[in-house]
PDB file of N, CA and C in Angstrom:
ATOM      1  N   MET A   1      44.787  91.660  18.447  1.00  0.00           N
ATOM      2  CA  MET A   1      43.421  91.433  18.020  1.00  0.00           C
ATOM      3  C   MET A   1      43.299  90.715  16.726  1.00  0.00           C
ATOM      4  N   ASN A   2      44.200  91.001  15.829  1.00  0.00           N
ATOM      5  CA  ASN A   2      44.140  90.322  14.578  1.00  0.00           C
ATOM      6  C   ASN A   2      44.442  88.857  14.707  1.00  0.00           C
ATOM      7  N   HIS A   3      45.258  88.418  15.683  1.00  0.00           N
ATOM      8  CA  HIS A   3      45.533  87.029  15.886  1.00  0.00           C
ATOM      9  C   HIS A   3      44.280  86.289  16.338  1.00  0.00           C
ATOM     10  N   SER A   4      43.488  86.976  17.226  1.00  0.00           N
ATOM     11  CA  SER A   4      42.295  86.271  17.721  1.00  0.00           C
ATOM     12  C   SER A   4      41.257  86.101  16.605  1.00  0.00           C
ATOM     13  N   LEU A   5      41.169  87.164  15.725  1.00  0.00           N
ATOM     14  CA  LEU A   5      40.256  87.004  14.649  1.00  0.00           C
ATOM     15  C   LEU A   5      40.597  85.902  13.635  1.00  0.00           C
ATOM     16  N   LYS A   6      41.905  85.745  13.422  1.00  0.00           N
ATOM     17  CA  LYS A   6      42.317  84.597  12.522  1.00  0.00           C
ATOM     18  C   LYS A   6      42.183  83.305  13.198  1.00  0.00           C
ATOM     19  N   PHE A   7      42.380  83.302  14.502  1.00  0.00           N
ATOM     20  CA  PHE A   7      42.270  81.981  15.293  1.00  0.00           C
ATOM     21  C   PHE A   7      40.823  81.521  15.389  1.00  0.00           C
ATOM     22  N   ARG A   8      39.908  82.471  15.533  1.00  0.00           N
ATOM     23  CA  ARG A   8      38.510  82.159  15.749  1.00  0.00           C
ATOM     24  C   ARG A   8      37.897  81.290  14.650  1.00  0.00           C
ATOM     25  N   PRO A   9      38.085  81.674  13.323  1.00  0.00           N
ATOM     26  CA  PRO A   9      37.572  80.826  12.259  1.00  0.00           C
ATOM     27  C   PRO A   9      38.115  79.447  12.267  1.00  0.00           C
ATOM     28  N   MET A  10      39.443  79.303  12.676  1.00  0.00           N
ATOM     29  CA  MET A  10      39.979  77.959  12.728  1.00  0.00           C
ATOM     30  C   MET A  10      39.271  77.173  13.830  1.00  0.00           C
ATOM     31  N   LEU A  11      39.053  77.807  14.948  1.00  0.00           N
ATOM     32  CA  LEU A  11      38.311  77.083  16.001  1.00  0.00           C
ATOM     33  C   LEU A  11      36.945  76.663  15.561  1.00  0.00           C
ATOM     34  N   ASN A  12      36.188  77.462  14.867  1.00  0.00           N
ATOM     35  CA  ASN A  12      34.860  77.072  14.341  1.00  0.00           C
ATOM     36  C   ASN A  12      34.936  75.956  13.458  1.00  0.00           C
ATOM     37  N   VAL A  13      36.003  75.924  12.588  1.00  0.00           N
ATOM     38  CA  VAL A  13      36.072  74.762  11.622  1.00  0.00           C
ATOM     39  C   VAL A  13      36.337  73.532  12.371  1.00  0.00           C
ATOM     40  N   SER A  14      37.218  73.584  13.444  1.00  0.00           N
ATOM     41  CA  SER A  14      37.477  72.367  14.242  1.00  0.00           C
ATOM     42  C   SER A  14      36.237  71.881  14.948  1.00  0.00           C
ATOM     43  N   VAL A  15      35.466  72.877  15.493  1.00  0.00           N
ATOM     44  CA  VAL A  15      34.234  72.517  16.258  1.00  0.00           C
ATOM     45  C   VAL A  15      33.272  71.913  15.295  1.00  0.00           C
ATOM     46  N   LEU A  16      33.149  72.447  14.105  1.00  0.00           N
ATOM     47  CA  LEU A  16      32.246  71.948  13.046  1.00  0.00           C
ATOM     48  C   LEU A  16      32.682  70.513  12.675  1.00  0.00           C
ATOM     49  N   ALA A  17      33.922  70.373  12.467  1.00  0.00           N
ATOM     50  CA  ALA A  17      34.455  69.053  12.094  1.00  0.00           C
ATOM     51  C   ALA A  17      34.161  68.034  13.171  1.00  0.00           C
ATOM     52  N   SER A  18      34.302  68.354  14.423  1.00  0.00           N
ATOM     53  CA  SER A  18      34.099  67.354  15.501  1.00  0.00           C
ATOM     54  C   SER A  18      32.566  67.091  15.572  1.00  0.00           C
ATOM     55  N   VAL A  19      31.700  68.027  15.370  1.00  0.00           N
ATOM     56  CA  VAL A  19      30.274  67.808  15.403  1.00  0.00           C
ATOM     57  C   VAL A  19      29.932  66.865  14.204  1.00  0.00           C
ATOM     58  N   LEU A  20      30.508  67.116  13.070  1.00  0.00           N
ATOM     59  CA  LEU A  20      30.227  66.338  11.909  1.00  0.00           C
ATOM     60  C   LEU A  20      30.664  64.832  12.121  1.00  0.00           C
ATOM     61  N   VAL A  21      31.817  64.714  12.682  1.00  0.00           N
ATOM     62  CA  VAL A  21      32.334  63.353  12.977  1.00  0.00           C
ATOM     63  C   VAL A  21      31.432  62.639  13.917  1.00  0.00           C
ATOM     64  N   THR A  22      30.938  63.345  14.986  1.00  0.00           N
ATOM     65  CA  THR A  22      30.082  62.678  15.936  1.00  0.00           C
ATOM     66  C   THR A  22      28.708  62.330  15.294  1.00  0.00           C
ATOM     67  N   ALA A  23      28.159  63.248  14.390  1.00  0.00           N
ATOM     68  CA  ALA A  23      26.945  62.944  13.792  1.00  0.00           C
ATOM     69  C   ALA A  23      27.031  61.799  12.821  1.00  0.00           C
ATOM     70  N   LEU A  24      28.197  61.729  12.134  1.00  0.00           N
ATOM     71  CA  LEU A  24      28.309  60.540  11.177  1.00  0.00           C
ATOM     72  C   LEU A  24      28.585  59.209  11.986  1.00  0.00           C
ATOM     73  N   ALA A  25      29.172  59.309  13.104  1.00  0.00           N
ATOM     74  CA  ALA A  25      29.406  58.102  13.878  1.00  0.00           C
ATOM     75  C   ALA A  25      28.005  57.653  14.407  1.00  0.00           C
ATOM     76  N   GLY A  26      27.178  58.583  14.795  1.00  0.00           N
ATOM     77  CA  GLY A  26      25.810  58.226  15.251  1.00  0.00           C
ATOM     78  C   GLY A  26      24.994  57.582  14.150  1.00  0.00           C
ATOM     79  N   CYS A  27      25.119  58.077  12.921  1.00  0.00           N
ATOM     80  CA  CYS A  27      24.450  57.573  11.769  1.00  0.00           C
ATOM     81  C   CYS A  27      24.896  56.167  11.450  1.00  0.00           C
ATOM     82  N   ALA A  28      26.198  56.017  11.529  1.00  0.00           N
ATOM     83  CA  ALA A  28      26.785  54.630  11.230  1.00  0.00           C
ATOM     84  C   ALA A  28      26.346  53.666  12.183  1.00  0.00           C
ATOM     85  N   ALA A  29      26.343  54.019  13.497  1.00  0.00           N
ATOM     86  CA  ALA A  29      25.964  53.140  14.578  1.00  0.00           C
ATOM     87  C   ALA A  29      24.437  52.773  14.495  1.00  0.00           C
ATOM     88  N   GLY A  30      23.620  53.726  14.212  1.00  0.00           N
ATOM     89  CA  GLY A  30      22.144  53.508  14.054  1.00  0.00           C
ATOM     90  C   GLY A  30      21.784  52.838  12.790  1.00  0.00           C
ATOM     91  N   GLY A  31      22.557  52.959  11.775  1.00  0.00           N
ATOM     92  CA  GLY A  31      22.245  52.416  10.447  1.00  0.00           C
ATOM     93  C   GLY A  31      22.222  50.892  10.475  1.00  0.00           C
ATOM     94  N   GLY A  32      23.034  50.285  11.311  1.00  0.00           N
ATOM     95  CA  GLY A  32      23.135  48.847  11.346  1.00  0.00           C
ATOM     96  C   GLY A  32      21.775  48.260  11.871  1.00  0.00           C
ATOM     97  N   THR A  33      21.216  48.766  12.846  1.00  0.00           N
ATOM     98  CA  THR A  33      19.983  48.277  13.384  1.00  0.00           C
ATOM     99  C   THR A  33      18.822  48.629  12.488  1.00  0.00           C
ATOM    100  N   GLN A  34      18.863  49.718  11.792  1.00  0.00           N
ATOM    101  CA  GLN A  34      17.763  50.053  10.885  1.00  0.00           C
ATOM    102  C   GLN A  34      17.774  49.189   9.673  1.00  0.00           C
ATOM    103  N   GLN A  35      18.946  48.849   9.177  1.00  0.00           N
ATOM    104  CA  GLN A  35      19.011  47.986   8.013  1.00  0.00           C
ATOM    105  C   GLN A  35      18.533  46.614   8.215  1.00  0.00           C
ATOM    106  N   SER A  36      18.766  46.079   9.436  1.00  0.00           N
ATOM    107  CA  SER A  36      18.333  44.739   9.725  1.00  0.00           C
ATOM    108  C   SER A  36      16.788  44.625   9.807  1.00  0.00           C
ATOM    109  N   ALA A  37      16.176  45.718  10.246  1.00  0.00           N
ATOM    110  CA  ALA A  37      14.702  45.697  10.358  1.00  0.00           C
ATOM    111  C   ALA A  37      14.000  46.139   9.086  1.00  0.00           C
ATOM    112  N   ARG A  38      14.718  46.502   8.112  1.00  0.00           N
ATOM    113  CA  ARG A  38      14.139  46.930   6.854  1.00  0.00           C
ATOM    114  C   ARG A  38      13.590  45.816   6.056  1.00  0.00           C
ATOM    115  N   THR A  39      12.389  45.981   5.487  1.00  0.00           N
ATOM    116  CA  THR A  39      11.883  44.991   4.554  1.00  0.00           C
ATOM    117  C   THR A  39      12.156  45.458   3.162  1.00  0.00           C
ATOM    118  N   HIS A  40      12.291  44.488   2.211  1.00  0.00           N
ATOM    119  CA  HIS A  40      12.600  44.855   0.827  1.00  0.00           C
ATOM    120  C   HIS A  40      11.337  44.977   0.007  1.00  0.00           C
ATOM    121  N   LEU A  41      10.278  44.183   0.387  1.00  0.00           N
ATOM    122  CA  LEU A  41       9.073  44.190  -0.411  1.00  0.00           C
ATOM    123  C   LEU A  41       7.985  44.910   0.345  1.00  0.00           C
ATOM    124  N   THR A  42       7.147  45.670  -0.384  1.00  0.00           N
ATOM    125  CA  THR A  42       6.014  46.353   0.263  1.00  0.00           C
ATOM    126  C   THR A  42       4.843  45.274   0.490  1.00  0.00           C
ATOM    127  N   PRO A  43       3.989  45.687   1.244  1.00  0.00           N
ATOM    128  CA  PRO A  43       2.782  44.718   1.475  1.00  0.00           C
ATOM    129  C   PRO A  43       2.007  44.491   0.127  1.00  0.00           C
ATOM    130  N   THR A  44       1.933  45.522  -0.707  1.00  0.00           N
ATOM    131  CA  THR A  44       1.315  45.338  -2.025  1.00  0.00           C
ATOM    132  C   THR A  44       2.082  44.319  -2.858  1.00  0.00           C
ATOM    133  N   GLN A  45       3.415  44.472  -2.848  1.00  0.00           N
ATOM    134  CA  GLN A  45       4.198  43.535  -3.633  1.00  0.00           C
ATOM    135  C   GLN A  45       4.108  42.119  -3.102  1.00  0.00           C
ATOM    136  N   CYS A  46       4.042  41.917  -1.763  1.00  0.00           N
ATOM    137  CA  CYS A  46       3.799  40.655  -1.135  1.00  0.00           C
ATOM    138  C   CYS A  46       2.455  40.056  -1.581  1.00  0.00           C
ATOM    139  N   SER A  47       1.442  40.841  -1.610  1.00  0.00           N
ATOM    140  CA  SER A  47       0.183  40.404  -1.983  1.00  0.00           C
ATOM    141  C   SER A  47       0.136  39.985  -3.457  1.00  0.00           C
ATOM    142  N   ASP A  48       0.745  40.833  -4.268  1.00  0.00           N
ATOM    143  CA  ASP A  48       0.808  40.591  -5.741  1.00  0.00           C
ATOM    144  C   ASP A  48       1.635  39.331  -6.039  1.00  0.00           C
ATOM    145  N   LEU A  49       2.745  39.174  -5.406  1.00  0.00           N
ATOM    146  CA  LEU A  49       3.638  38.077  -5.613  1.00  0.00           C
ATOM    147  C   LEU A  49       2.906  36.733  -5.117  1.00  0.00           C
ATOM    148  N   THR A  50       2.165  36.795  -4.043  1.00  0.00           N
ATOM    149  CA  THR A  50       1.441  35.681  -3.573  1.00  0.00           C
ATOM    150  C   THR A  50       0.364  35.266  -4.603  1.00  0.00           C
ATOM    151  N   ALA A  51      -0.350  36.271  -5.172  1.00  0.00           N
ATOM    152  CA  ALA A  51      -1.324  35.995  -6.132  1.00  0.00           C
ATOM    153  C   ALA A  51      -0.743  35.300  -7.377  1.00  0.00           C
ATOM    154  N   LEU A  52       0.412  35.817  -7.836  1.00  0.00           N
ATOM    155  CA  LEU A  52       1.069  35.244  -9.041  1.00  0.00           C
ATOM    156  C   LEU A  52       1.471  33.821  -8.697  1.00  0.00           C
ATOM    157  N   ARG A  53       2.033  33.589  -7.503  1.00  0.00           N
ATOM    158  CA  ARG A  53       2.498  32.255  -7.159  1.00  0.00           C
ATOM    159  C   ARG A  53       1.306  31.255  -7.003  1.00  0.00           C
ATOM    160  N   ASN A  54       0.187  31.760  -6.661  1.00  0.00           N
ATOM    161  CA  ASN A  54      -1.059  30.921  -6.495  1.00  0.00           C
ATOM    162  C   ASN A  54      -1.823  30.767  -7.860  1.00  0.00           C
ATOM    163  N   LYS A  55      -1.249  31.160  -8.986  1.00  0.00           N
ATOM    164  CA  LYS A  55      -1.790  31.116 -10.284  1.00  0.00           C
ATOM    165  C   LYS A  55      -3.077  31.859 -10.447  1.00  0.00           C
ATOM    166  N   GLU A  56      -3.245  32.922  -9.698  1.00  0.00           N
ATOM    167  CA  GLU A  56      -4.482  33.842  -9.860  1.00  0.00           C
ATOM    168  C   GLU A  56      -4.292  34.608 -11.151  1.00  0.00           C
ATOM    169  N   PRO A  57      -5.380  35.133 -11.657  1.00  0.00           N
ATOM    170  CA  PRO A  57      -5.281  35.803 -13.016  1.00  0.00           C
ATOM    171  C   PRO A  57      -4.272  36.899 -13.002  1.00  0.00           C
ATOM    172  N   LEU A  58      -3.531  37.062 -14.127  1.00  0.00           N
ATOM    173  CA  LEU A  58      -2.512  38.097 -14.288  1.00  0.00           C
ATOM    174  C   LEU A  58      -3.239  39.401 -14.454  1.00  0.00           C
ATOM    175  N   THR A  59      -2.706  40.391 -13.861  1.00  0.00           N
ATOM    176  CA  THR A  59      -3.188  41.805 -14.108  1.00  0.00           C
ATOM    177  C   THR A  59      -1.916  42.674 -14.340  1.00  0.00           C
ATOM    178  N   ARG A  60      -2.198  43.822 -14.970  1.00  0.00           N
ATOM    179  CA  ARG A  60      -1.082  44.712 -15.206  1.00  0.00           C
ATOM    180  C   ARG A  60      -0.420  45.180 -13.984  1.00  0.00           C
ATOM    181  N   GLU A  61      -1.187  45.346 -12.959  1.00  0.00           N
ATOM    182  CA  GLU A  61      -0.628  45.805 -11.672  1.00  0.00           C
ATOM    183  C   GLU A  61       0.269  44.733 -10.957  1.00  0.00           C
ATOM    184  N   ARG A  62      -0.154  43.551 -11.116  1.00  0.00           N
ATOM    185  CA  ARG A  62       0.677  42.438 -10.519  1.00  0.00           C
ATOM    186  C   ARG A  62       2.003  42.280 -11.278  1.00  0.00           C
ATOM    187  N   ASN A  63       1.887  42.349 -12.622  1.00  0.00           N
ATOM    188  CA  ASN A  63       3.122  42.282 -13.423  1.00  0.00           C
ATOM    189  C   ASN A  63       4.071  43.506 -13.137  1.00  0.00           C
ATOM    190  N   LEU A  64       3.516  44.686 -12.958  1.00  0.00           N
ATOM    191  CA  LEU A  64       4.357  45.811 -12.660  1.00  0.00           C
ATOM    192  C   LEU A  64       4.931  45.716 -11.225  1.00  0.00           C
ATOM    193  N   SER A  65       4.215  45.178 -10.336  1.00  0.00           N
ATOM    194  CA  SER A  65       4.665  44.926  -8.976  1.00  0.00           C
ATOM    195  C   SER A  65       5.802  43.935  -9.020  1.00  0.00           C
ATOM    196  N   GLN A  66       5.711  42.868  -9.753  1.00  0.00           N
ATOM    197  CA  GLN A  66       6.758  41.894  -9.864  1.00  0.00           C
ATOM    198  C   GLN A  66       8.027  42.538 -10.530  1.00  0.00           C
ATOM    199  N   LEU A  67       7.809  43.292 -11.497  1.00  0.00           N
ATOM    200  CA  LEU A  67       8.902  43.961 -12.223  1.00  0.00           C
ATOM    201  C   LEU A  67       9.607  44.944 -11.323  1.00  0.00           C
ATOM    202  N   ALA A  68       8.873  45.685 -10.517  1.00  0.00           N
ATOM    203  CA  ALA A  68       9.504  46.623  -9.589  1.00  0.00           C
ATOM    204  C   ALA A  68      10.359  45.866  -8.533  1.00  0.00           C
ATOM    205  N   ALA A  69       9.906  44.664  -8.105  1.00  0.00           N
ATOM    206  CA  ALA A  69      10.691  43.869  -7.174  1.00  0.00           C
ATOM    207  C   ALA A  69      11.956  43.366  -7.849  1.00  0.00           C
ATOM    208  N   LEU A  70      11.870  42.938  -9.106  1.00  0.00           N
ATOM    209  CA  LEU A  70      13.089  42.445  -9.765  1.00  0.00           C
ATOM    210  C   LEU A  70      14.102  43.623  -9.987  1.00  0.00           C
ATOM    211  N   GLU A  71      13.535  44.790 -10.341  1.00  0.00           N
ATOM    212  CA  GLU A  71      14.469  45.926 -10.494  1.00  0.00           C
ATOM    213  C   GLU A  71      15.075  46.355  -9.175  1.00  0.00           C
ATOM    214  N   ALA A  72      14.403  46.253  -8.083  1.00  0.00           N
ATOM    215  CA  ALA A  72      15.015  46.484  -6.774  1.00  0.00           C
ATOM    216  C   ALA A  72      16.067  45.457  -6.454  1.00  0.00           C
ATOM    217  N   ALA A  73      15.923  44.301  -7.007  1.00  0.00           N
ATOM    218  CA  ALA A  73      16.963  43.238  -6.776  1.00  0.00           C
ATOM    219  C   ALA A  73      18.091  43.326  -7.752  1.00  0.00           C
ATOM    220  N   GLY A  74      18.135  44.332  -8.616  1.00  0.00           N
ATOM    221  CA  GLY A  74      19.298  44.498  -9.496  1.00  0.00           C
ATOM    222  C   GLY A  74      19.054  44.232 -11.003  1.00  0.00           C
ATOM    223  N   TYR A  75      17.880  43.804 -11.358  1.00  0.00           N
ATOM    224  CA  TYR A  75      17.649  43.457 -12.808  1.00  0.00           C
ATOM    225  C   TYR A  75      17.239  44.745 -13.472  1.00  0.00           C
ATOM    226  N   ASN A  76      17.824  44.978 -14.685  1.00  0.00           N
ATOM    227  CA  ASN A  76      17.542  46.168 -15.530  1.00  0.00           C
ATOM    228  C   ASN A  76      17.055  45.641 -16.848  1.00  0.00           C
ATOM    229  N   PRO A  77      15.740  45.706 -17.058  1.00  0.00           N
ATOM    230  CA  PRO A  77      15.118  45.211 -18.285  1.00  0.00           C
ATOM    231  C   PRO A  77      15.240  46.298 -19.438  1.00  0.00           C
ATOM    232  N   SER A  78      15.785  47.446 -19.192  1.00  0.00           N
ATOM    233  CA  SER A  78      15.822  48.453 -20.233  1.00  0.00           C
ATOM    234  C   SER A  78      16.981  48.320 -21.208  1.00  0.00           C
ATOM    235  N   TRP A  79      17.910  47.431 -20.871  1.00  0.00           N
ATOM    236  CA  TRP A  79      19.064  47.292 -21.804  1.00  0.00           C
ATOM    237  C   TRP A  79      18.509  46.665 -23.117  1.00  0.00           C
ATOM    238  N   GLY A  80      18.918  47.282 -24.266  1.00  0.00           N
ATOM    239  CA  GLY A  80      18.593  46.732 -25.523  1.00  0.00           C
ATOM    240  C   GLY A  80      19.198  45.394 -25.767  1.00  0.00           C
ATOM    241  N   PHE A  81      20.467  45.232 -25.431  1.00  0.00           N
ATOM    242  CA  PHE A  81      21.160  44.005 -25.580  1.00  0.00           C
ATOM    243  C   PHE A  81      21.834  43.709 -24.219  1.00  0.00           C
ATOM    244  N   ASP A  82      21.418  42.629 -23.546  1.00  0.00           N
ATOM    245  CA  ASP A  82      21.903  42.252 -22.231  1.00  0.00           C
ATOM    246  C   ASP A  82      22.807  41.036 -22.344  1.00  0.00           C
ATOM    247  N   PRO A  83      24.115  41.230 -22.261  1.00  0.00           N
ATOM    248  CA  PRO A  83      24.972  40.122 -22.473  1.00  0.00           C
ATOM    249  C   PRO A  83      24.936  39.090 -21.289  1.00  0.00           C
ATOM    250  N   TYR A  84      24.272  39.502 -20.161  1.00  0.00           N
ATOM    251  CA  TYR A  84      24.218  38.661 -18.974  1.00  0.00           C
ATOM    252  C   TYR A  84      22.778  37.920 -18.876  1.00  0.00           C
ATOM    253  N   TYR A  85      21.966  38.202 -19.860  1.00  0.00           N
ATOM    254  CA  TYR A  85      20.627  37.565 -19.801  1.00  0.00           C
ATOM    255  C   TYR A  85      20.821  36.113 -20.150  1.00  0.00           C
ATOM    256  N   PRO A  86      20.168  35.175 -19.552  1.00  0.00           N
ATOM    257  CA  PRO A  86      19.158  35.278 -18.467  1.00  0.00           C
ATOM    258  C   PRO A  86      19.781  35.196 -17.024  1.00  0.00           C
ATOM    259  N   ALA A  87      21.059  35.134 -16.906  1.00  0.00           N
ATOM    260  CA  ALA A  87      21.724  34.946 -15.595  1.00  0.00           C
ATOM    261  C   ALA A  87      21.317  36.142 -14.570  1.00  0.00           C
ATOM    262  N   ASP A  88      21.339  37.335 -15.142  1.00  0.00           N
ATOM    263  CA  ASP A  88      21.018  38.479 -14.248  1.00  0.00           C
ATOM    264  C   ASP A  88      19.556  38.482 -13.829  1.00  0.00           C
ATOM    265  N   LEU A  89      18.647  38.003 -14.743  1.00  0.00           N
ATOM    266  CA  LEU A  89      17.214  37.908 -14.335  1.00  0.00           C
ATOM    267  C   LEU A  89      17.047  36.836 -13.288  1.00  0.00           C
ATOM    268  N   GLN A  90      17.715  35.662 -13.500  1.00  0.00           N
ATOM    269  CA  GLN A  90      17.657  34.555 -12.562  1.00  0.00           C
ATOM    270  C   GLN A  90      18.210  34.895 -11.194  1.00  0.00           C
ATOM    271  N   ALA A  91      19.247  35.693 -11.141  1.00  0.00           N
ATOM    272  CA  ALA A  91      19.912  36.141  -9.916  1.00  0.00           C
ATOM    273  C   ALA A  91      18.913  37.030  -9.213  1.00  0.00           C
ATOM    274  N   ALA A  92      18.313  38.001  -9.900  1.00  0.00           N
ATOM    275  CA  ALA A  92      17.331  38.926  -9.291  1.00  0.00           C
ATOM    276  C   ALA A  92      16.095  38.152  -8.747  1.00  0.00           C
ATOM    277  N   GLN A  93      15.659  37.123  -9.584  1.00  0.00           N
ATOM    278  CA  GLN A  93      14.473  36.343  -9.136  1.00  0.00           C
ATOM    279  C   GLN A  93      14.841  35.602  -7.842  1.00  0.00           C
ATOM    280  N   LYS A  94      16.058  35.102  -7.756  1.00  0.00           N
ATOM    281  CA  LYS A  94      16.483  34.382  -6.459  1.00  0.00           C
ATOM    282  C   LYS A  94      16.454  35.284  -5.352  1.00  0.00           C
ATOM    283  N   LYS A  95      16.983  36.503  -5.523  1.00  0.00           N
ATOM    284  CA  LYS A  95      16.964  37.518  -4.467  1.00  0.00           C
ATOM    285  C   LYS A  95      15.518  37.875  -4.019  1.00  0.00           C
ATOM    286  N   VAL A  96      14.589  38.071  -5.043  1.00  0.00           N
ATOM    287  CA  VAL A  96      13.224  38.357  -4.718  1.00  0.00           C
ATOM    288  C   VAL A  96      12.596  37.184  -3.929  1.00  0.00           C
ATOM    289  N   ASP A  97      12.962  35.938  -4.327  1.00  0.00           N
ATOM    290  CA  ASP A  97      12.393  34.810  -3.612  1.00  0.00           C
ATOM    291  C   ASP A  97      12.853  34.817  -2.152  1.00  0.00           C
ATOM    292  N   GLN A  98      14.067  35.164  -1.936  1.00  0.00           N
ATOM    293  CA  GLN A  98      14.582  35.244  -0.544  1.00  0.00           C
ATOM    294  C   GLN A  98      13.825  36.330   0.249  1.00  0.00           C
ATOM    295  N   TRP A  99      13.701  37.489  -0.420  1.00  0.00           N
ATOM    296  CA  TRP A  99      12.960  38.550   0.264  1.00  0.00           C
ATOM    297  C   TRP A  99      11.515  38.141   0.506  1.00  0.00           C
ATOM    298  N   TYR A 100      10.937  37.436  -0.439  1.00  0.00           N
ATOM    299  CA  TYR A 100       9.525  37.045  -0.224  1.00  0.00           C
ATOM    300  C   TYR A 100       9.392  36.098   0.931  1.00  0.00           C
ATOM    301  N   ALA A 101      10.386  35.206   1.112  1.00  0.00           N
ATOM    302  CA  ALA A 101      10.364  34.215   2.202  1.00  0.00           C
ATOM    303  C   ALA A 101      10.496  34.929   3.539  1.00  0.00           C
ATOM    304  N   THR A 102      11.232  36.059   3.619  1.00  0.00           N
ATOM    305  CA  THR A 102      11.403  36.742   4.858  1.00  0.00           C
ATOM    306  C   THR A 102      10.433  37.844   5.098  1.00  0.00           C
ATOM    307  N   ASP A 103       9.983  38.533   4.066  1.00  0.00           N
ATOM    308  CA  ASP A 103       9.153  39.746   4.178  1.00  0.00           C
ATOM    309  C   ASP A 103       7.659  39.439   4.068  1.00  0.00           C
ATOM    310  N   CYS A 104       7.324  38.344   3.491  1.00  0.00           N
ATOM    311  CA  CYS A 104       5.863  38.128   3.147  1.00  0.00           C
ATOM    312  C   CYS A 104       5.317  36.929   3.852  1.00  0.00           C
ATOM    313  N   GLN A 105       5.866  36.459   5.015  1.00  0.00           N
ATOM    314  CA  GLN A 105       5.421  35.320   5.724  1.00  0.00           C
ATOM    315  C   GLN A 105       3.843  35.399   6.076  1.00  0.00           C
ATOM    316  N   GLN A 106       3.425  36.573   6.461  1.00  0.00           N
ATOM    317  CA  GLN A 106       1.969  36.706   6.835  1.00  0.00           C
ATOM    318  C   GLN A 106       1.041  36.717   5.678  1.00  0.00           C
ATOM    319  N   VAL A 107       1.566  36.927   4.483  1.00  0.00           N
ATOM    320  CA  VAL A 107       0.699  37.051   3.293  1.00  0.00           C
ATOM    321  C   VAL A 107       0.635  35.744   2.571  1.00  0.00           C
ATOM    322  N   GLN A 108       1.588  34.845   2.749  1.00  0.00           N
ATOM    323  CA  GLN A 108       1.662  33.580   2.059  1.00  0.00           C
ATOM    324  C   GLN A 108       0.514  32.715   2.394  1.00  0.00           C
ATOM    325  N   GLN A 109      -0.141  32.133   1.322  1.00  0.00           N
ATOM    326  CA  GLN A 109      -1.241  31.275   1.533  1.00  0.00           C
ATOM    327  C   GLN A 109      -0.890  29.826   1.107  1.00  0.00           C
ATOM    328  N   PRO A 110      -1.369  28.843   1.811  1.00  0.00           N
ATOM    329  CA  PRO A 110      -1.055  27.468   1.367  1.00  0.00           C
ATOM    330  C   PRO A 110      -1.807  27.096   0.117  1.00  0.00           C
ATOM    331  N   ASN A 111      -1.157  26.313  -0.699  1.00  0.00           N
ATOM    332  CA  ASN A 111      -1.739  25.923  -1.964  1.00  0.00           C
ATOM    333  C   ASN A 111      -2.785  24.894  -1.787  1.00  0.00           C
TER     334      ASN A 111
END
């Protein structure tokens, strides 16, 4: 009887491990399709970026929206001394421009 008690926890660990591996495999397989459908910019950010590009009046909300998009693209304005400035800001702006082109097509207005 002692052998079956010692063996049973080992069996549970192996069952748990196989369930975990199966679950992780499912997440990895599903993650690829979800990532491709994901947008980077919110509808509000799209609207605010469109307004800024069309030279509409600046507002605090529009500036904060643009800053949030730049931060999502990897720019960190909180550094006191940024040895990579302005290259890091320009790289983030380029990424936001790419996101804008793909995520905000319905919001863009002709000049």
